[in-house]
Amino acid sequence: MKKTKSYKLTYCQFGNPAGTLFSDISKTDGALSFIATSDGKNVQELIGLADANFANITDPQRKSISGFRYYVFGCPISWRSKLQTITAGSTHEAELIAIALAANEGVWIRKLLLELGFAVGLSPALSRPDVDRKSETFLEDDDSDESGASSSGYHMKPFPLFNDNLGATQTVNNPDTSWRTRHLDVKYFKIRDYIKEMKLTVSHVPTTLNVADYFTKALTYRDFNKFRQYLSICPS
């Protein structure tokens, strides 16, 4: 504690420490280049990362630990480390539960950002089919439509949620439930609805770049120090 008392969470419009993380992730896959900073400025409204350890040895029931981290315009705004409520039977199951927990948090943040669209620079949803052009009122049958627009009148693309388990990524993007995961509660598969409704996307990143690992287990000093930088925790 004494050695790190000068470390603080850092929030910047330009040159945010987390920009290094997004730049490193974008280099792993050309399809992820959209999350990289532009002229030192973070342009992606919302980015999340989720992870889980498996069979936590400190818990007598060997329940796993879920962890996630969310950034808004490159600044850390939400994070959590939570013991899972059920005992996962595999790493795959533990990761599914962690992704579901993170997705619920992310969808809530996304809804808040849409309500604050004028303040965070979101684009007005001018092309929604359920807009009454004369009165400019919006139907509120649903929080958002397939275009990503909400009843607040602003548009937002699906936000990316990353994890480092390729099998879990494929499972949530697959509408069919296999015999290996069908025993899990349906709430852990609601993320498929979020994907269908274009509220989020789930993609894979290497474990070496998944900062949510920071919230699930003890790390070597090398990884701890690197992730601390990615988490925007820097000496003042």
C-alpha atoms as a PDB file:
ATOM      1  CA  MET A   1       0.000   0.000   0.000  1.00  0.00           C
ATOM      2  CA  LYS A   2       2.823   2.384   0.893  1.00  0.00           C
ATOM      3  CA  LYS A   3       4.611   1.762  -2.399  1.00  0.00           C
ATOM      4  CA  THR A   4       1.501   2.346  -4.495  1.00  0.00           C
ATOM      5  CA  LYS A   5      -0.176   5.218  -2.642  1.00  0.00           C
ATOM      6  CA  SER A   6       0.600   7.540  -5.563  1.00  0.00           C
ATOM      7  CA  TYR A   7      -1.341   5.339  -8.023  1.00  0.00           C
ATOM      8  CA  LYS A   8      -4.709   6.703  -9.086  1.00  0.00           C
ATOM      9  CA  LEU A   9      -7.424   6.097 -11.653  1.00  0.00           C
ATOM     10  CA  THR A  10      -6.726   8.339 -14.635  1.00  0.00           C
ATOM     11  CA  TYR A  11      -9.398   9.891 -16.853  1.00  0.00           C
ATOM     12  CA  CYS A  12      -8.351  11.723 -20.029  1.00  0.00           C
ATOM     13  CA  GLN A  13      -9.987  12.846 -23.235  1.00  0.00           C
ATOM     14  CA  PHE A  14      -6.766  12.318 -25.171  1.00  0.00           C
ATOM     15  CA  GLY A  15      -3.955   9.875 -24.506  1.00  0.00           C
ATOM     16  CA  ASN A  16      -5.889   7.759 -22.013  1.00  0.00           C
ATOM     17  CA  PRO A  17      -3.709   4.897 -20.657  1.00  0.00           C
ATOM     18  CA  ALA A  18      -6.373   2.383 -21.696  1.00  0.00           C
ATOM     19  CA  GLY A  19      -5.801   3.435 -25.303  1.00  0.00           C
ATOM     20  CA  THR A  20      -2.782   1.134 -25.316  1.00  0.00           C
ATOM     21  CA  LEU A  21      -5.060  -1.800 -24.522  1.00  0.00           C
ATOM     22  CA  PHE A  22      -7.444  -1.052 -27.376  1.00  0.00           C
ATOM     23  CA  SER A  23      -4.548  -0.554 -29.762  1.00  0.00           C
ATOM     24  CA  ASP A  24      -3.048  -3.912 -28.764  1.00  0.00           C
ATOM     25  CA  ILE A  25      -6.414  -5.674 -29.165  1.00  0.00           C
ATOM     26  CA  SER A  26      -6.960  -4.154 -32.610  1.00  0.00           C
ATOM     27  CA  LYS A  27      -3.612  -5.588 -33.743  1.00  0.00           C
ATOM     28  CA  THR A  28      -4.738  -9.144 -32.993  1.00  0.00           C
ATOM     29  CA  ASP A  29      -7.607  -9.039 -35.483  1.00  0.00           C
ATOM     30  CA  GLY A  30      -8.194  -6.650 -38.364  1.00  0.00           C
ATOM     31  CA  ALA A  31     -11.950  -6.826 -37.716  1.00  0.00           C
ATOM     32  CA  LEU A  32     -11.352  -5.174 -34.332  1.00  0.00           C
ATOM     33  CA  SER A  33      -9.504  -2.148 -35.679  1.00  0.00           C
ATOM     34  CA  PHE A  34     -12.544   0.025 -34.973  1.00  0.00           C
ATOM     35  CA  ILE A  35     -11.752   0.097 -31.229  1.00  0.00           C
ATOM     36  CA  ALA A  36      -8.321   1.679 -31.713  1.00  0.00           C
ATOM     37  CA  THR A  37      -7.904   5.322 -30.764  1.00  0.00           C
ATOM     38  CA  SER A  38      -8.071   8.036 -33.407  1.00  0.00           C
ATOM     39  CA  ASP A  39      -5.476  10.792 -33.003  1.00  0.00           C
ATOM     40  CA  GLY A  40      -5.120   9.795 -29.365  1.00  0.00           C
ATOM     41  CA  LYS A  41      -8.854  10.087 -28.693  1.00  0.00           C
ATOM     42  CA  ASN A  42     -11.074   7.148 -27.763  1.00  0.00           C
ATOM     43  CA  VAL A  43     -14.012   7.121 -30.154  1.00  0.00           C
ATOM     44  CA  GLN A  44     -15.791   3.914 -29.076  1.00  0.00           C
ATOM     45  CA  GLU A  45     -18.645   4.748 -26.702  1.00  0.00           C
ATOM     46  CA  LEU A  46     -18.662   1.490 -24.734  1.00  0.00           C
ATOM     47  CA  ILE A  47     -16.282  -1.483 -24.508  1.00  0.00           C
ATOM     48  CA  GLY A  48     -16.464  -4.392 -22.060  1.00  0.00           C
ATOM     49  CA  LEU A  49     -14.247  -7.325 -21.130  1.00  0.00           C
ATOM     50  CA  ALA A  50     -15.314 -10.393 -19.121  1.00  0.00           C
ATOM     51  CA  ASP A  51     -13.478 -13.355 -17.653  1.00  0.00           C
ATOM     52  CA  ALA A  52     -13.758 -16.137 -15.076  1.00  0.00           C
ATOM     53  CA  ASN A  53     -11.440 -18.425 -13.211  1.00  0.00           C
ATOM     54  CA  PHE A  54     -12.467 -22.046 -12.774  1.00  0.00           C
ATOM     55  CA  ALA A  55     -13.047 -23.928  -9.490  1.00  0.00           C
ATOM     56  CA  ASN A  56     -11.792 -21.301  -7.069  1.00  0.00           C
ATOM     57  CA  ILE A  57      -9.737 -23.278  -4.548  1.00  0.00           C
ATOM     58  CA  THR A  58     -10.581 -20.912  -1.695  1.00  0.00           C
ATOM     59  CA  ASP A  59     -14.285 -21.763  -1.938  1.00  0.00           C
ATOM     60  CA  PRO A  60     -15.395 -25.086  -0.363  1.00  0.00           C
ATOM     61  CA  GLN A  61     -17.943 -25.626  -3.168  1.00  0.00           C
ATOM     62  CA  ARG A  62     -15.357 -24.758  -5.825  1.00  0.00           C
ATOM     63  CA  LYS A  63     -17.480 -21.978  -7.264  1.00  0.00           C
ATOM     64  CA  SER A  64     -15.744 -19.886  -9.896  1.00  0.00           C
ATOM     65  CA  ILE A  65     -15.245 -16.118  -9.858  1.00  0.00           C
ATOM     66  CA  SER A  66     -16.638 -13.786 -12.531  1.00  0.00           C
ATOM     67  CA  GLY A  67     -15.009 -10.499 -13.386  1.00  0.00           C
ATOM     68  CA  PHE A  68     -15.662  -7.685 -15.840  1.00  0.00           C
ATOM     69  CA  ARG A  69     -14.500  -4.199 -16.746  1.00  0.00           C
ATOM     70  CA  TYR A  70     -16.262  -1.494 -18.790  1.00  0.00           C
ATOM     71  CA  TYR A  71     -14.875   1.593 -20.464  1.00  0.00           C
ATOM     72  CA  VAL A  72     -16.787   4.602 -21.802  1.00  0.00           C
ATOM     73  CA  PHE A  73     -14.748   6.568 -24.337  1.00  0.00           C
ATOM     74  CA  GLY A  74     -11.664   4.819 -22.996  1.00  0.00           C
ATOM     75  CA  CYS A  75     -12.306   5.700 -19.352  1.00  0.00           C
ATOM     76  CA  PRO A  76     -13.032   2.992 -16.729  1.00  0.00           C
ATOM     77  CA  ILE A  77     -16.534   3.376 -15.324  1.00  0.00           C
ATOM     78  CA  SER A  78     -17.638  -0.043 -14.052  1.00  0.00           C
ATOM     79  CA  TRP A  79     -15.923  -3.193 -12.775  1.00  0.00           C
ATOM     80  CA  ARG A  80     -16.773  -6.149 -10.587  1.00  0.00           C
ATOM     81  CA  SER A  81     -15.441  -9.350  -9.071  1.00  0.00           C
ATOM     82  CA  LYS A  82     -18.158 -11.778  -7.965  1.00  0.00           C
ATOM     83  CA  LEU A  83     -18.350 -15.367  -6.770  1.00  0.00           C
ATOM     84  CA  GLN A  84     -20.681 -17.285  -9.072  1.00  0.00           C
ATOM     85  CA  THR A  85     -23.925 -18.562  -7.567  1.00  0.00           C
ATOM     86  CA  ILE A  86     -23.580 -22.102  -8.960  1.00  0.00           C
ATOM     87  CA  THR A  87     -20.667 -24.513  -9.290  1.00  0.00           C
ATOM     88  CA  ALA A  88     -19.612 -24.570 -12.931  1.00  0.00           C
ATOM     89  CA  GLY A  89     -18.772 -27.984 -14.339  1.00  0.00           C
ATOM     90  CA  SER A  90     -16.097 -26.704 -16.720  1.00  0.00           C
ATOM     91  CA  THR A  91     -14.134 -23.639 -17.758  1.00  0.00           C
ATOM     92  CA  HIS A  92     -16.624 -23.269 -20.610  1.00  0.00           C
ATOM     93  CA  GLU A  93     -19.557 -23.012 -18.203  1.00  0.00           C
ATOM     94  CA  ALA A  94     -17.726 -20.623 -15.895  1.00  0.00           C
ATOM     95  CA  GLU A  95     -16.978 -18.323 -18.833  1.00  0.00           C
ATOM     96  CA  LEU A  96     -20.618 -18.416 -20.015  1.00  0.00           C
ATOM     97  CA  ILE A  97     -21.800 -17.317 -16.584  1.00  0.00           C
ATOM     98  CA  ALA A  98     -19.208 -14.530 -16.490  1.00  0.00           C
ATOM     99  CA  ILE A  99     -20.210 -13.270 -19.942  1.00  0.00           C
ATOM    100  CA  ALA A 100     -23.889 -13.251 -18.915  1.00  0.00           C
ATOM    101  CA  LEU A 101     -23.112 -11.188 -15.800  1.00  0.00           C
ATOM    102  CA  ALA A 102     -21.069  -8.707 -17.816  1.00  0.00           C
ATOM    103  CA  ALA A 103     -23.697  -8.491 -20.565  1.00  0.00           C
ATOM    104  CA  ASN A 104     -26.444  -7.480 -18.123  1.00  0.00           C
ATOM    105  CA  GLU A 105     -24.254  -4.689 -16.780  1.00  0.00           C
ATOM    106  CA  GLY A 106     -23.283  -3.569 -20.270  1.00  0.00           C
ATOM    107  CA  VAL A 107     -26.859  -3.403 -21.537  1.00  0.00           C
ATOM    108  CA  TRP A 108     -27.783  -1.230 -18.559  1.00  0.00           C
ATOM    109  CA  ILE A 109     -24.870   1.146 -19.258  1.00  0.00           C
ATOM    110  CA  ARG A 110     -25.835   1.249 -22.927  1.00  0.00           C
ATOM    111  CA  LYS A 111     -29.380   2.230 -22.026  1.00  0.00           C
ATOM    112  CA  LEU A 112     -28.067   5.020 -19.796  1.00  0.00           C
ATOM    113  CA  LEU A 113     -25.816   6.313 -22.579  1.00  0.00           C
ATOM    114  CA  LEU A 114     -28.782   6.412 -24.969  1.00  0.00           C
ATOM    115  CA  GLU A 115     -30.732   8.469 -22.448  1.00  0.00           C
ATOM    116  CA  LEU A 116     -27.743  10.841 -22.226  1.00  0.00           C
ATOM    117  CA  GLY A 117     -27.247  10.846 -25.981  1.00  0.00           C
ATOM    118  CA  PHE A 118     -27.154  14.636 -26.266  1.00  0.00           C
ATOM    119  CA  ALA A 119     -24.379  14.798 -23.663  1.00  0.00           C
ATOM    120  CA  VAL A 120     -22.117  12.077 -25.045  1.00  0.00           C
ATOM    121  CA  GLY A 121     -22.468  13.026 -28.701  1.00  0.00           C
ATOM    122  CA  LEU A 122     -24.588  10.151 -30.004  1.00  0.00           C
ATOM    123  CA  SER A 123     -26.239  10.491 -33.404  1.00  0.00           C
ATOM    124  CA  PRO A 124     -29.988  11.220 -33.498  1.00  0.00           C
ATOM    125  CA  ALA A 125     -32.052   8.289 -34.794  1.00  0.00           C
ATOM    126  CA  LEU A 126     -33.606  10.070 -37.760  1.00  0.00           C
ATOM    127  CA  SER A 127     -34.452   6.984 -39.789  1.00  0.00           C
ATOM    128  CA  ARG A 128     -36.456   4.939 -37.316  1.00  0.00           C
ATOM    129  CA  PRO A 129     -39.564   3.375 -38.879  1.00  0.00           C
ATOM    130  CA  ASP A 130     -41.642   3.887 -35.721  1.00  0.00           C
ATOM    131  CA  VAL A 131     -41.270   7.665 -35.577  1.00  0.00           C
ATOM    132  CA  ASP A 132     -44.308   9.853 -36.038  1.00  0.00           C
ATOM    133  CA  ARG A 133     -42.804  12.559 -38.271  1.00  0.00           C
ATOM    134  CA  LYS A 134     -45.513  15.103 -37.471  1.00  0.00           C
ATOM    135  CA  SER A 135     -45.352  14.942 -33.706  1.00  0.00           C
ATOM    136  CA  GLU A 136     -41.781  13.546 -33.552  1.00  0.00           C
ATOM    137  CA  THR A 137     -42.793  11.155 -30.818  1.00  0.00           C
ATOM    138  CA  PHE A 138     -41.461   7.657 -30.434  1.00  0.00           C
ATOM    139  CA  LEU A 139     -43.332   4.466 -29.754  1.00  0.00           C
ATOM    140  CA  GLU A 140     -42.147   2.775 -26.592  1.00  0.00           C
ATOM    141  CA  ASP A 141     -43.145  -0.816 -27.231  1.00  0.00           C
ATOM    142  CA  ASP A 142     -39.491  -1.757 -26.851  1.00  0.00           C
ATOM    143  CA  ASP A 143     -36.395  -0.159 -25.400  1.00  0.00           C
ATOM    144  CA  SER A 144     -34.673  -0.328 -28.779  1.00  0.00           C
ATOM    145  CA  ASP A 145     -35.263  -1.596 -32.283  1.00  0.00           C
ATOM    146  CA  GLU A 146     -33.025  -3.601 -34.585  1.00  0.00           C
ATOM    147  CA  SER A 147     -31.191  -0.466 -35.708  1.00  0.00           C
ATOM    148  CA  GLY A 148     -29.947   0.181 -32.177  1.00  0.00           C
ATOM    149  CA  ALA A 149     -32.153   3.222 -31.672  1.00  0.00           C
ATOM    150  CA  SER A 150     -34.006   3.731 -28.412  1.00  0.00           C
ATOM    151  CA  SER A 151     -37.053   5.641 -27.282  1.00  0.00           C
ATOM    152  CA  SER A 152     -34.699   8.460 -26.284  1.00  0.00           C
ATOM    153  CA  GLY A 153     -34.262   9.244 -29.976  1.00  0.00           C
ATOM    154  CA  TYR A 154     -30.536   8.440 -30.269  1.00  0.00           C
ATOM    155  CA  HIS A 155     -28.708   5.736 -32.176  1.00  0.00           C
ATOM    156  CA  MET A 156     -25.894   3.567 -30.840  1.00  0.00           C
ATOM    157  CA  LYS A 157     -24.151   0.658 -32.501  1.00  0.00           C
ATOM    158  CA  PRO A 158     -23.838  -2.673 -30.655  1.00  0.00           C
ATOM    159  CA  PHE A 159     -21.012  -2.429 -28.154  1.00  0.00           C
ATOM    160  CA  PRO A 160     -18.218  -5.045 -28.130  1.00  0.00           C
ATOM    161  CA  LEU A 161     -17.890  -7.439 -25.196  1.00  0.00           C
ATOM    162  CA  PHE A 162     -14.661  -9.433 -25.181  1.00  0.00           C
ATOM    163  CA  ASN A 163     -13.645 -12.649 -23.457  1.00  0.00           C
ATOM    164  CA  ASP A 164     -10.754 -15.075 -23.816  1.00  0.00           C
ATOM    165  CA  ASN A 165     -12.648 -18.372 -24.156  1.00  0.00           C
ATOM    166  CA  LEU A 166     -13.246 -19.235 -27.794  1.00  0.00           C
ATOM    167  CA  GLY A 167     -15.774 -21.972 -26.967  1.00  0.00           C
ATOM    168  CA  ALA A 168     -17.907 -19.614 -24.880  1.00  0.00           C
ATOM    169  CA  THR A 169     -17.771 -17.001 -27.638  1.00  0.00           C
ATOM    170  CA  GLN A 170     -19.043 -19.540 -30.157  1.00  0.00           C
ATOM    171  CA  THR A 171     -21.780 -20.724 -27.788  1.00  0.00           C
ATOM    172  CA  VAL A 172     -23.333 -17.300 -27.198  1.00  0.00           C
ATOM    173  CA  ASN A 173     -23.214 -16.549 -30.925  1.00  0.00           C
ATOM    174  CA  ASN A 174     -24.890 -19.880 -31.734  1.00  0.00           C
ATOM    175  CA  PRO A 175     -28.717 -19.952 -31.376  1.00  0.00           C
ATOM    176  CA  ASP A 176     -28.669 -23.686 -30.568  1.00  0.00           C
ATOM    177  CA  THR A 177     -27.922 -25.074 -27.101  1.00  0.00           C
ATOM    178  CA  SER A 178     -25.817 -28.240 -27.012  1.00  0.00           C
ATOM    179  CA  TRP A 179     -26.181 -31.109 -24.555  1.00  0.00           C
ATOM    180  CA  ARG A 180     -23.089 -29.845 -22.729  1.00  0.00           C
ATOM    181  CA  THR A 181     -24.752 -26.586 -21.642  1.00  0.00           C
ATOM    182  CA  ARG A 182     -28.490 -27.263 -21.727  1.00  0.00           C
ATOM    183  CA  HIS A 183     -28.587 -27.826 -17.952  1.00  0.00           C
ATOM    184  CA  LEU A 184     -27.618 -24.200 -17.307  1.00  0.00           C
ATOM    185  CA  ASP A 185     -30.325 -21.750 -16.308  1.00  0.00           C
ATOM    186  CA  VAL A 186     -31.890 -19.895 -19.243  1.00  0.00           C
ATOM    187  CA  LYS A 187     -30.798 -16.552 -17.759  1.00  0.00           C
ATOM    188  CA  TYR A 188     -27.244 -17.347 -18.804  1.00  0.00           C
ATOM    189  CA  PHE A 189     -28.355 -17.524 -22.445  1.00  0.00           C
ATOM    190  CA  LYS A 190     -30.264 -14.226 -22.488  1.00  0.00           C
ATOM    191  CA  ILE A 191     -27.147 -12.739 -24.021  1.00  0.00           C
ATOM    192  CA  ARG A 192     -28.252 -14.379 -27.277  1.00  0.00           C
ATOM    193  CA  ASP A 193     -31.285 -12.099 -27.231  1.00  0.00           C
ATOM    194  CA  TYR A 194     -29.021  -9.090 -26.658  1.00  0.00           C
ATOM    195  CA  ILE A 195     -26.974 -10.098 -29.704  1.00  0.00           C
ATOM    196  CA  LYS A 196     -30.106 -10.631 -31.823  1.00  0.00           C
ATOM    197  CA  GLU A 197     -31.432  -7.221 -30.759  1.00  0.00           C
ATOM    198  CA  MET A 198     -28.091  -5.679 -31.811  1.00  0.00           C
ATOM    199  CA  LYS A 199     -27.302  -4.354 -28.365  1.00  0.00           C
ATOM    200  CA  LEU A 200     -23.885  -5.994 -28.184  1.00  0.00           C
ATOM    201  CA  THR A 201     -21.438  -8.285 -29.929  1.00  0.00           C
ATOM    202  CA  VAL A 202     -19.249 -10.940 -28.298  1.00  0.00           C
ATOM    203  CA  SER A 203     -15.708 -11.433 -29.582  1.00  0.00           C
ATOM    204  CA  HIS A 204     -12.595 -13.305 -28.549  1.00  0.00           C
ATOM    205  CA  VAL A 205      -9.352 -11.741 -27.326  1.00  0.00           C
ATOM    206  CA  PRO A 206      -6.150 -13.390 -26.099  1.00  0.00           C
ATOM    207  CA  THR A 207      -5.864 -13.972 -22.360  1.00  0.00           C
ATOM    208  CA  THR A 208      -2.808 -11.702 -22.343  1.00  0.00           C
ATOM    209  CA  LEU A 209      -5.061  -8.757 -23.259  1.00  0.00           C
ATOM    210  CA  ASN A 210      -8.147  -9.603 -21.201  1.00  0.00           C
ATOM    211  CA  VAL A 211      -7.916  -7.167 -18.292  1.00  0.00           C
ATOM    212  CA  ALA A 212     -10.945  -8.796 -16.633  1.00  0.00           C
ATOM    213  CA  ASP A 213      -8.476 -11.534 -15.614  1.00  0.00           C
ATOM    214  CA  TYR A 214      -7.298  -8.959 -13.061  1.00  0.00           C
ATOM    215  CA  PHE A 215     -10.548  -9.469 -11.112  1.00  0.00           C
ATOM    216  CA  THR A 216     -10.622 -13.261 -11.046  1.00  0.00           C
ATOM    217  CA  LYS A 217      -7.252 -14.512  -9.801  1.00  0.00           C
ATOM    218  CA  ALA A 218      -3.819 -13.595  -8.519  1.00  0.00           C
ATOM    219  CA  LEU A 219      -1.414 -12.683 -11.333  1.00  0.00           C
ATOM    220  CA  THR A 220       2.323 -12.678 -11.746  1.00  0.00           C
ATOM    221  CA  TYR A 221       3.862  -9.268 -11.172  1.00  0.00           C
ATOM    222  CA  ARG A 222       4.589  -8.851 -14.875  1.00  0.00           C
ATOM    223  CA  ASP A 223       0.944  -9.372 -15.857  1.00  0.00           C
ATOM    224  CA  PHE A 224      -0.302  -7.449 -12.823  1.00  0.00           C
ATOM    225  CA  ASN A 225       1.797  -4.418 -13.726  1.00  0.00           C
ATOM    226  CA  LYS A 226       0.736  -4.549 -17.405  1.00  0.00           C
ATOM    227  CA  PHE A 227      -2.953  -4.882 -16.577  1.00  0.00           C
ATOM    228  CA  ARG A 228      -2.714  -2.090 -14.023  1.00  0.00           C
ATOM    229  CA  GLN A 229      -1.630   0.183 -16.855  1.00  0.00           C
ATOM    230  CA  TYR A 230      -4.439  -1.088 -19.103  1.00  0.00           C
ATOM    231  CA  LEU A 231      -6.894  -0.362 -16.281  1.00  0.00           C
ATOM    232  CA  SER A 232      -5.807   3.299 -16.249  1.00  0.00           C
ATOM    233  CA  ILE A 233      -4.233   2.979 -12.806  1.00  0.00           C
ATOM    234  CA  CYS A 234      -1.131   5.132 -13.002  1.00  0.00           C
ATOM    235  CA  PRO A 235       1.140   7.060 -10.643  1.00  0.00           C
ATOM    236  CA  SER A 236       0.060  10.673 -10.281  1.00  0.00           C
END
